């Protein structure tokens, strides 16, 4: 599963994803989220940490690092 598949599996828009991440402590606009989702920007450690906090049912290691 990649970031886009995660978002779609939760029936969320990119804007909603950015709002969830911002609410949980990682301030990001939809455009910044879109760049990460489309591979045009490398996610930071803090982004990954908040993504894991926001979606505890997802293995972030598998999503980004093939663990």
C-alpha atoms as a PDB file:
ATOM      1  CA  UNK A   1       0.000   0.000   0.000  1.00  0.00           C
ATOM      2  CA  UNK A   2       1.265   3.451  -0.833  1.00  0.00           C
ATOM      3  CA  UNK A   3       0.186   6.837   0.483  1.00  0.00           C
ATOM      4  CA  UNK A   4      -2.464   7.382  -2.193  1.00  0.00           C
ATOM      5  CA  UNK A   5      -3.911   3.906  -1.646  1.00  0.00           C
ATOM      6  CA  UNK A   6      -4.074   4.606   2.102  1.00  0.00           C
ATOM      7  CA  UNK A   7      -5.916   7.861   1.495  1.00  0.00           C
ATOM      8  CA  UNK A   8      -8.367   6.281  -0.938  1.00  0.00           C
ATOM      9  CA  UNK A   9      -8.970   3.298   1.363  1.00  0.00           C
ATOM     10  CA  UNK A  10     -10.105   5.787   4.019  1.00  0.00           C
ATOM     11  CA  UNK A  11     -12.285   7.646   1.454  1.00  0.00           C
ATOM     12  CA  UNK A  12     -10.386  10.891   2.070  1.00  0.00           C
ATOM     13  CA  UNK A  13      -9.382  13.746  -0.214  1.00  0.00           C
ATOM     14  CA  UNK A  14      -5.878  15.168  -0.166  1.00  0.00           C
ATOM     15  CA  UNK A  15      -7.285  18.205   1.625  1.00  0.00           C
ATOM     16  CA  UNK A  16      -8.848  16.002   4.314  1.00  0.00           C
ATOM     17  CA  UNK A  17      -5.558  14.110   4.751  1.00  0.00           C
ATOM     18  CA  UNK A  18      -3.683  17.374   5.224  1.00  0.00           C
ATOM     19  CA  UNK A  19      -6.286  18.477   7.794  1.00  0.00           C
ATOM     20  CA  UNK A  20      -5.931  15.207   9.737  1.00  0.00           C
ATOM     21  CA  UNK A  21      -2.142  15.506   9.790  1.00  0.00           C
ATOM     22  CA  UNK A  22      -2.341  19.161  10.832  1.00  0.00           C
ATOM     23  CA  UNK A  23      -4.821  18.344  13.607  1.00  0.00           C
ATOM     24  CA  UNK A  24      -2.420  15.678  14.895  1.00  0.00           C
ATOM     25  CA  UNK A  25       0.609  17.973  14.981  1.00  0.00           C
ATOM     26  CA  UNK A  26       2.131  18.152  11.493  1.00  0.00           C
ATOM     27  CA  UNK A  27       1.160  21.388   9.777  1.00  0.00           C
ATOM     28  CA  UNK A  28       0.827  20.727   6.047  1.00  0.00           C
ATOM     29  CA  UNK A  29      -1.310  22.200   3.291  1.00  0.00           C
ATOM     30  CA  UNK A  30      -2.964  20.153   0.566  1.00  0.00           C
ATOM     31  CA  UNK A  31      -0.306  21.171  -1.967  1.00  0.00           C
ATOM     32  CA  UNK A  32       2.503  19.942   0.274  1.00  0.00           C
ATOM     33  CA  UNK A  33       0.684  16.695   0.953  1.00  0.00           C
ATOM     34  CA  UNK A  34       0.101  16.249  -2.791  1.00  0.00           C
ATOM     35  CA  UNK A  35       3.829  16.624  -3.482  1.00  0.00           C
ATOM     36  CA  UNK A  36       4.637  13.891  -0.962  1.00  0.00           C
ATOM     37  CA  UNK A  37       1.906  11.605  -2.286  1.00  0.00           C
ATOM     38  CA  UNK A  38       3.128  12.070  -5.868  1.00  0.00           C
ATOM     39  CA  UNK A  39       6.815  11.540  -5.019  1.00  0.00           C
ATOM     40  CA  UNK A  40       7.865  15.120  -5.716  1.00  0.00           C
ATOM     41  CA  UNK A  41       8.811  15.765  -2.096  1.00  0.00           C
ATOM     42  CA  UNK A  42      10.473  13.456   0.402  1.00  0.00           C
ATOM     43  CA  UNK A  43       8.463  13.008   3.605  1.00  0.00           C
ATOM     44  CA  UNK A  44      10.167  14.163   6.784  1.00  0.00           C
ATOM     45  CA  UNK A  45      10.567  12.024   9.878  1.00  0.00           C
ATOM     46  CA  UNK A  46       7.940  14.173  11.613  1.00  0.00           C
ATOM     47  CA  UNK A  47       5.503  13.592   8.731  1.00  0.00           C
ATOM     48  CA  UNK A  48       5.975   9.831   9.045  1.00  0.00           C
ATOM     49  CA  UNK A  49       5.636   9.950  12.831  1.00  0.00           C
ATOM     50  CA  UNK A  50       2.346  11.877  12.642  1.00  0.00           C
ATOM     51  CA  UNK A  51       1.092   9.672   9.795  1.00  0.00           C
ATOM     52  CA  UNK A  52       1.651   6.621  12.004  1.00  0.00           C
ATOM     53  CA  UNK A  53      -0.074   8.349  14.929  1.00  0.00           C
ATOM     54  CA  UNK A  54      -3.022   9.279  12.706  1.00  0.00           C
ATOM     55  CA  UNK A  55      -3.399   5.840  11.115  1.00  0.00           C
ATOM     56  CA  UNK A  56      -2.264   3.281  13.663  1.00  0.00           C
ATOM     57  CA  UNK A  57      -3.591   0.395  11.584  1.00  0.00           C
ATOM     58  CA  UNK A  58      -1.023   1.113   8.844  1.00  0.00           C
ATOM     59  CA  UNK A  59       2.560  -0.163   8.772  1.00  0.00           C
ATOM     60  CA  UNK A  60       4.522   2.928   7.729  1.00  0.00           C
ATOM     61  CA  UNK A  61       7.708   0.871   7.370  1.00  0.00           C
ATOM     62  CA  UNK A  62       6.098  -1.254   4.671  1.00  0.00           C
ATOM     63  CA  UNK A  63       4.610   1.767   2.974  1.00  0.00           C
ATOM     64  CA  UNK A  64       7.849   3.714   2.624  1.00  0.00           C
ATOM     65  CA  UNK A  65      10.718   1.324   3.295  1.00  0.00           C
ATOM     66  CA  UNK A  66       9.620  -2.141   2.089  1.00  0.00           C
ATOM     67  CA  UNK A  67      10.057  -3.591   5.598  1.00  0.00           C
END
